[in-house]
Amino acid sequence: MADADVTTSPHGVRIRVNKTGPGVHAALDPDRRAEFEAEFRNALAHADDQSDLDAVQDVVERWWPAAVLCANPEIQEEISMGRCRAADDAHTVFGHLTSHPHPRPEDADTAVGS
């Protein structure tokens, strides 16, 4: 695993967040940090009892995306804007929804080449 994973968008490289306990902790907003700390400490206690660091790494992996979004709020803004655009324009480039079958197949356009 790399010490830092690069978060990229169409607009270039964003703030990097180390995929480590201290890296995630530093990037999180203060209101989310306390929850991370509690989970991280529980995982450390488990690691101490079981001599297994997998639980600690799982906590870091689970919280890393939230840390990236906290460090790069513009990414969340882009996601939200994309969702709004998708909700406003439910049609495809072909001018109709393609995810649902036509309710009356006899009214549907015939296939190309038929």
N, C-alpha and C. Protein backbone atom coordinates (compact mmCIF):
# COMPACT_ATOMS: atom_id res chain seq x y z
N MET A 1 0.84 -1.16 0.00
CA MET A 1 0.00 0.00 0.00
C MET A 1 0.89 1.23 0.00
N ALA A 2 0.52 2.21 -0.79
CA ALA A 2 1.27 3.45 -0.85
C ALA A 2 0.98 4.30 0.38
N ASP A 3 1.98 5.10 0.76
CA ASP A 3 1.77 5.99 1.90
C ASP A 3 0.71 7.04 1.60
N ALA A 4 0.65 7.50 0.36
CA ALA A 4 -0.35 8.50 -0.01
C ALA A 4 -0.99 8.07 -1.32
N ASP A 5 -2.29 8.13 -1.34
CA ASP A 5 -3.02 7.86 -2.56
C ASP A 5 -3.39 9.20 -3.17
N VAL A 6 -3.23 9.29 -4.48
CA VAL A 6 -3.52 10.53 -5.17
C VAL A 6 -5.00 10.57 -5.51
N THR A 7 -5.64 11.65 -5.17
CA THR A 7 -7.02 11.87 -5.52
C THR A 7 -7.02 12.81 -6.71
N THR A 8 -7.56 12.36 -7.82
CA THR A 8 -7.56 13.20 -9.01
C THR A 8 -8.98 13.44 -9.47
N SER A 9 -9.15 14.50 -10.21
CA SER A 9 -10.43 14.84 -10.81
C SER A 9 -10.12 15.42 -12.17
N PRO A 10 -11.15 15.76 -12.93
CA PRO A 10 -10.89 16.39 -14.22
C PRO A 10 -10.14 17.71 -14.07
N HIS A 11 -10.11 18.29 -12.88
CA HIS A 11 -9.47 19.57 -12.65
C HIS A 11 -8.05 19.44 -12.11
N GLY A 12 -7.52 18.24 -12.01
CA GLY A 12 -6.16 18.07 -11.56
C GLY A 12 -6.03 17.41 -10.20
N VAL A 13 -4.79 17.34 -9.70
CA VAL A 13 -4.50 16.69 -8.43
C VAL A 13 -5.06 17.54 -7.29
N ARG A 14 -5.68 16.87 -6.34
CA ARG A 14 -6.25 17.53 -5.17
C ARG A 14 -5.33 17.33 -3.98
N ILE A 15 -5.77 17.71 -2.82
CA ILE A 15 -4.99 17.52 -1.60
C ILE A 15 -4.87 16.03 -1.33
N ARG A 16 -3.67 15.58 -1.11
CA ARG A 16 -3.42 14.16 -0.86
C ARG A 16 -3.66 13.86 0.62
N VAL A 17 -4.21 12.68 0.86
CA VAL A 17 -4.45 12.24 2.23
C VAL A 17 -3.72 10.91 2.40
N ASN A 18 -2.78 10.87 3.33
CA ASN A 18 -2.09 9.61 3.61
C ASN A 18 -3.09 8.59 4.12
N LYS A 19 -2.99 7.39 3.62
CA LYS A 19 -3.88 6.31 4.04
C LYS A 19 -3.28 5.64 5.27
N THR A 20 -3.18 6.44 6.33
CA THR A 20 -2.66 6.00 7.63
C THR A 20 -3.59 6.57 8.70
N GLY A 21 -3.48 6.04 9.90
CA GLY A 21 -4.28 6.59 10.99
C GLY A 21 -4.07 8.08 11.18
N PRO A 22 -2.80 8.53 11.31
CA PRO A 22 -2.57 9.97 11.48
C PRO A 22 -3.01 10.81 10.27
N GLY A 23 -2.85 10.26 9.06
CA GLY A 23 -3.26 10.99 7.87
C GLY A 23 -4.76 11.19 7.81
N VAL A 24 -5.50 10.14 8.08
CA VAL A 24 -6.97 10.23 8.09
C VAL A 24 -7.42 11.15 9.20
N HIS A 25 -6.84 10.98 10.38
CA HIS A 25 -7.20 11.82 11.54
C HIS A 25 -7.02 13.30 11.23
N ALA A 26 -5.91 13.65 10.63
CA ALA A 26 -5.61 15.05 10.33
C ALA A 26 -6.55 15.65 9.29
N ALA A 27 -7.02 14.84 8.35
CA ALA A 27 -7.85 15.35 7.26
C ALA A 27 -9.33 15.47 7.63
N LEU A 28 -9.77 14.73 8.63
CA LEU A 28 -11.19 14.74 8.98
C LEU A 28 -11.60 16.06 9.64
N ASP A 29 -12.85 16.44 9.42
CA ASP A 29 -13.42 17.58 10.12
C ASP A 29 -13.49 17.25 11.61
N PRO A 30 -13.38 18.24 12.48
CA PRO A 30 -13.39 17.98 13.92
C PRO A 30 -14.61 17.19 14.40
N ASP A 31 -15.77 17.44 13.81
CA ASP A 31 -16.97 16.73 14.26
C ASP A 31 -16.96 15.25 13.88
N ARG A 32 -16.21 14.88 12.86
CA ARG A 32 -16.10 13.47 12.46
C ARG A 32 -14.90 12.80 13.11
N ARG A 33 -13.95 13.59 13.54
CA ARG A 33 -12.70 13.07 14.09
C ARG A 33 -12.93 12.23 15.35
N ALA A 34 -13.84 12.66 16.21
CA ALA A 34 -14.09 11.93 17.46
C ALA A 34 -14.61 10.52 17.18
N GLU A 35 -15.48 10.39 16.19
CA GLU A 35 -16.00 9.06 15.84
C GLU A 35 -14.88 8.17 15.30
N PHE A 36 -14.02 8.75 14.45
CA PHE A 36 -12.87 8.00 13.93
C PHE A 36 -11.96 7.55 15.08
N GLU A 37 -11.68 8.47 16.00
CA GLU A 37 -10.80 8.15 17.12
C GLU A 37 -11.35 6.98 17.94
N ALA A 38 -12.65 6.98 18.19
CA ALA A 38 -13.26 5.89 18.97
C ALA A 38 -13.13 4.56 18.24
N GLU A 39 -13.42 4.55 16.94
CA GLU A 39 -13.29 3.30 16.17
C GLU A 39 -11.83 2.86 16.10
N PHE A 40 -10.94 3.82 15.92
CA PHE A 40 -9.51 3.49 15.81
C PHE A 40 -9.00 2.90 17.12
N ARG A 41 -9.38 3.49 18.25
CA ARG A 41 -8.96 2.96 19.55
C ARG A 41 -9.50 1.56 19.81
N ASN A 42 -10.77 1.33 19.43
CA ASN A 42 -11.34 -0.02 19.56
C ASN A 42 -10.56 -1.02 18.72
N ALA A 43 -10.19 -0.62 17.51
CA ALA A 43 -9.41 -1.50 16.64
C ALA A 43 -8.03 -1.76 17.22
N LEU A 44 -7.42 -0.74 17.81
CA LEU A 44 -6.11 -0.93 18.44
C LEU A 44 -6.20 -1.89 19.62
N ALA A 45 -7.27 -1.79 20.42
CA ALA A 45 -7.46 -2.71 21.54
C ALA A 45 -7.62 -4.14 21.02
N HIS A 46 -8.39 -4.28 19.94
CA HIS A 46 -8.57 -5.61 19.33
C HIS A 46 -7.22 -6.14 18.83
N ALA A 47 -6.44 -5.26 18.21
CA ALA A 47 -5.12 -5.67 17.70
C ALA A 47 -4.21 -6.10 18.84
N ASP A 48 -4.30 -5.41 19.96
CA ASP A 48 -3.49 -5.76 21.12
C ASP A 48 -3.89 -7.13 21.67
N ASP A 49 -5.19 -7.40 21.72
CA ASP A 49 -5.68 -8.69 22.22
C ASP A 49 -5.38 -9.84 21.28
N GLN A 50 -5.53 -9.59 19.98
CA GLN A 50 -5.44 -10.66 18.98
C GLN A 50 -4.11 -10.71 18.23
N SER A 51 -3.25 -9.73 18.45
CA SER A 51 -1.98 -9.62 17.69
C SER A 51 -2.24 -9.61 16.19
N ASP A 52 -3.27 -8.84 15.79
CA ASP A 52 -3.68 -8.79 14.39
C ASP A 52 -4.05 -7.34 14.05
N LEU A 53 -3.34 -6.75 13.12
CA LEU A 53 -3.57 -5.35 12.76
C LEU A 53 -4.64 -5.15 11.69
N ASP A 54 -5.27 -6.22 11.23
CA ASP A 54 -6.28 -6.09 10.17
C ASP A 54 -7.41 -5.16 10.57
N ALA A 55 -7.86 -5.21 11.81
CA ALA A 55 -8.97 -4.35 12.25
C ALA A 55 -8.57 -2.88 12.17
N VAL A 56 -7.33 -2.58 12.50
CA VAL A 56 -6.85 -1.20 12.44
C VAL A 56 -6.83 -0.73 10.99
N GLN A 57 -6.30 -1.56 10.12
CA GLN A 57 -6.25 -1.19 8.70
C GLN A 57 -7.66 -1.05 8.12
N ASP A 58 -8.59 -1.89 8.56
CA ASP A 58 -9.98 -1.78 8.09
C ASP A 58 -10.59 -0.43 8.46
N VAL A 59 -10.32 0.04 9.67
CA VAL A 59 -10.84 1.35 10.09
C VAL A 59 -10.26 2.45 9.22
N VAL A 60 -8.97 2.40 8.97
CA VAL A 60 -8.33 3.41 8.12
C VAL A 60 -8.92 3.36 6.72
N GLU A 61 -9.05 2.17 6.15
CA GLU A 61 -9.62 2.02 4.80
C GLU A 61 -11.05 2.56 4.74
N ARG A 62 -11.84 2.28 5.75
CA ARG A 62 -13.24 2.69 5.76
C ARG A 62 -13.38 4.21 5.90
N TRP A 63 -12.50 4.84 6.66
CA TRP A 63 -12.59 6.28 6.90
C TRP A 63 -11.83 7.12 5.88
N TRP A 64 -10.94 6.52 5.10
CA TRP A 64 -10.13 7.29 4.16
C TRP A 64 -10.96 8.07 3.15
N PRO A 65 -12.00 7.49 2.53
CA PRO A 65 -12.79 8.29 1.58
C PRO A 65 -13.41 9.53 2.22
N ALA A 66 -13.91 9.41 3.45
CA ALA A 66 -14.47 10.57 4.14
C ALA A 66 -13.40 11.62 4.39
N ALA A 67 -12.19 11.18 4.72
CA ALA A 67 -11.09 12.11 4.95
C ALA A 67 -10.73 12.85 3.67
N VAL A 68 -10.72 12.14 2.55
CA VAL A 68 -10.43 12.77 1.26
C VAL A 68 -11.47 13.84 0.95
N LEU A 69 -12.74 13.53 1.20
CA LEU A 69 -13.80 14.50 0.95
C LEU A 69 -13.70 15.70 1.89
N CYS A 70 -13.33 15.47 3.14
CA CYS A 70 -13.14 16.59 4.08
C CYS A 70 -11.99 17.49 3.64
N ALA A 71 -10.92 16.89 3.15
CA ALA A 71 -9.76 17.66 2.72
C ALA A 71 -9.99 18.35 1.38
N ASN A 72 -10.94 17.82 0.60
CA ASN A 72 -11.21 18.32 -0.75
C ASN A 72 -12.71 18.55 -0.92
N PRO A 73 -13.28 19.55 -0.27
CA PRO A 73 -14.74 19.73 -0.34
C PRO A 73 -15.26 19.99 -1.75
N GLU A 74 -14.40 20.47 -2.64
CA GLU A 74 -14.85 20.72 -4.01
C GLU A 74 -15.22 19.42 -4.73
N ILE A 75 -14.64 18.29 -4.31
CA ILE A 75 -15.01 17.01 -4.91
C ILE A 75 -16.47 16.69 -4.58
N GLN A 76 -16.85 16.90 -3.32
CA GLN A 76 -18.24 16.65 -2.93
C GLN A 76 -19.17 17.60 -3.68
N GLU A 77 -18.75 18.84 -3.90
CA GLU A 77 -19.56 19.79 -4.66
C GLU A 77 -19.76 19.29 -6.10
N GLU A 78 -18.69 18.77 -6.71
CA GLU A 78 -18.79 18.24 -8.07
C GLU A 78 -19.74 17.05 -8.11
N ILE A 79 -19.66 16.18 -7.10
CA ILE A 79 -20.55 15.02 -7.04
C ILE A 79 -22.00 15.48 -6.91
N SER A 80 -22.24 16.43 -6.03
CA SER A 80 -23.60 16.94 -5.82
C SER A 80 -24.14 17.59 -7.08
N MET A 81 -23.31 18.38 -7.75
CA MET A 81 -23.76 19.02 -9.00
C MET A 81 -24.05 17.97 -10.06
N GLY A 82 -23.24 16.93 -10.13
CA GLY A 82 -23.49 15.85 -11.10
C GLY A 82 -24.79 15.12 -10.81
N ARG A 83 -25.08 14.90 -9.54
CA ARG A 83 -26.34 14.25 -9.18
C ARG A 83 -27.53 15.13 -9.54
N CYS A 84 -27.40 16.43 -9.31
CA CYS A 84 -28.49 17.36 -9.67
C CYS A 84 -28.72 17.37 -11.18
N ARG A 85 -27.62 17.40 -11.94
CA ARG A 85 -27.76 17.36 -13.40
C ARG A 85 -28.42 16.07 -13.85
N ALA A 86 -28.04 14.97 -13.24
CA ALA A 86 -28.63 13.68 -13.62
C ALA A 86 -30.11 13.64 -13.27
N ALA A 87 -30.48 14.20 -12.13
CA ALA A 87 -31.89 14.22 -11.73
C ALA A 87 -32.70 15.14 -12.64
N ASP A 88 -32.12 16.26 -13.07
CA ASP A 88 -32.82 17.20 -13.94
C ASP A 88 -32.98 16.67 -15.35
N ASP A 89 -32.04 15.86 -15.79
CA ASP A 89 -32.06 15.36 -17.17
C ASP A 89 -32.03 13.85 -17.15
N ALA A 90 -33.19 13.24 -16.95
CA ALA A 90 -33.27 11.79 -16.86
C ALA A 90 -33.16 11.11 -18.22
N HIS A 91 -33.16 11.88 -19.28
CA HIS A 91 -33.07 11.30 -20.61
C HIS A 91 -31.62 11.06 -21.00
N THR A 92 -31.44 10.14 -21.88
CA THR A 92 -30.11 9.86 -22.40
C THR A 92 -29.85 10.70 -23.62
N VAL A 93 -28.69 10.56 -24.21
CA VAL A 93 -28.39 11.29 -25.44
C VAL A 93 -29.29 10.87 -26.58
N PHE A 94 -29.95 9.73 -26.43
CA PHE A 94 -30.85 9.25 -27.47
C PHE A 94 -32.26 9.82 -27.31
N GLY A 95 -32.51 10.59 -26.23
CA GLY A 95 -33.78 11.26 -26.06
C GLY A 95 -34.82 10.47 -25.30
N HIS A 96 -34.48 9.32 -24.78
CA HIS A 96 -35.45 8.56 -24.00
C HIS A 96 -34.71 7.71 -22.98
N LEU A 97 -35.43 7.29 -21.96
CA LEU A 97 -34.83 6.44 -20.95
C LEU A 97 -34.53 5.08 -21.55
N THR A 98 -33.38 4.54 -21.20
CA THR A 98 -33.01 3.23 -21.73
C THR A 98 -32.98 2.15 -20.66
N SER A 99 -33.23 2.54 -19.41
CA SER A 99 -33.11 1.56 -18.33
C SER A 99 -34.40 0.79 -18.09
N HIS A 100 -35.50 1.22 -18.68
CA HIS A 100 -36.78 0.55 -18.48
C HIS A 100 -37.34 0.08 -19.82
N PRO A 101 -37.89 -1.09 -19.88
CA PRO A 101 -38.49 -1.54 -21.14
C PRO A 101 -39.73 -0.72 -21.44
N HIS A 102 -40.07 -0.66 -22.70
CA HIS A 102 -41.26 0.07 -23.11
C HIS A 102 -42.48 -0.62 -22.51
N PRO A 103 -43.42 0.16 -21.92
CA PRO A 103 -44.57 -0.46 -21.26
C PRO A 103 -45.46 -1.23 -22.24
N ARG A 104 -45.46 -0.80 -23.48
CA ARG A 104 -46.26 -1.52 -24.50
C ARG A 104 -45.32 -1.85 -25.66
N PRO A 105 -44.77 -3.03 -25.69
CA PRO A 105 -43.78 -3.39 -26.72
C PRO A 105 -44.29 -3.17 -28.15
N GLU A 106 -45.58 -3.30 -28.37
CA GLU A 106 -46.09 -3.12 -29.72
C GLU A 106 -45.95 -1.67 -30.20
N ASP A 107 -45.78 -0.71 -29.27
CA ASP A 107 -45.61 0.68 -29.63
C ASP A 107 -44.14 1.09 -29.76
N ALA A 108 -43.23 0.23 -29.34
CA ALA A 108 -41.81 0.54 -29.36
C ALA A 108 -41.30 0.56 -30.79
N ASP A 109 -40.28 1.36 -31.01
CA ASP A 109 -39.63 1.41 -32.32
C ASP A 109 -39.07 0.03 -32.65
N THR A 110 -39.06 -0.30 -33.92
CA THR A 110 -38.48 -1.57 -34.33
C THR A 110 -36.97 -1.45 -34.30
N ALA A 111 -36.31 -2.55 -34.14
CA ALA A 111 -34.85 -2.57 -34.07
C ALA A 111 -34.26 -2.16 -35.40
N VAL A 112 -33.11 -1.53 -35.35
CA VAL A 112 -32.40 -1.14 -36.56
C VAL A 112 -31.98 -2.39 -37.31
N GLY A 113 -32.23 -2.42 -38.60
CA GLY A 113 -31.85 -3.57 -39.40
C GLY A 113 -32.94 -4.63 -39.48
N SER A 114 -34.11 -4.37 -38.91
CA SER A 114 -35.20 -5.37 -38.96
C SER A 114 -35.97 -5.24 -40.24
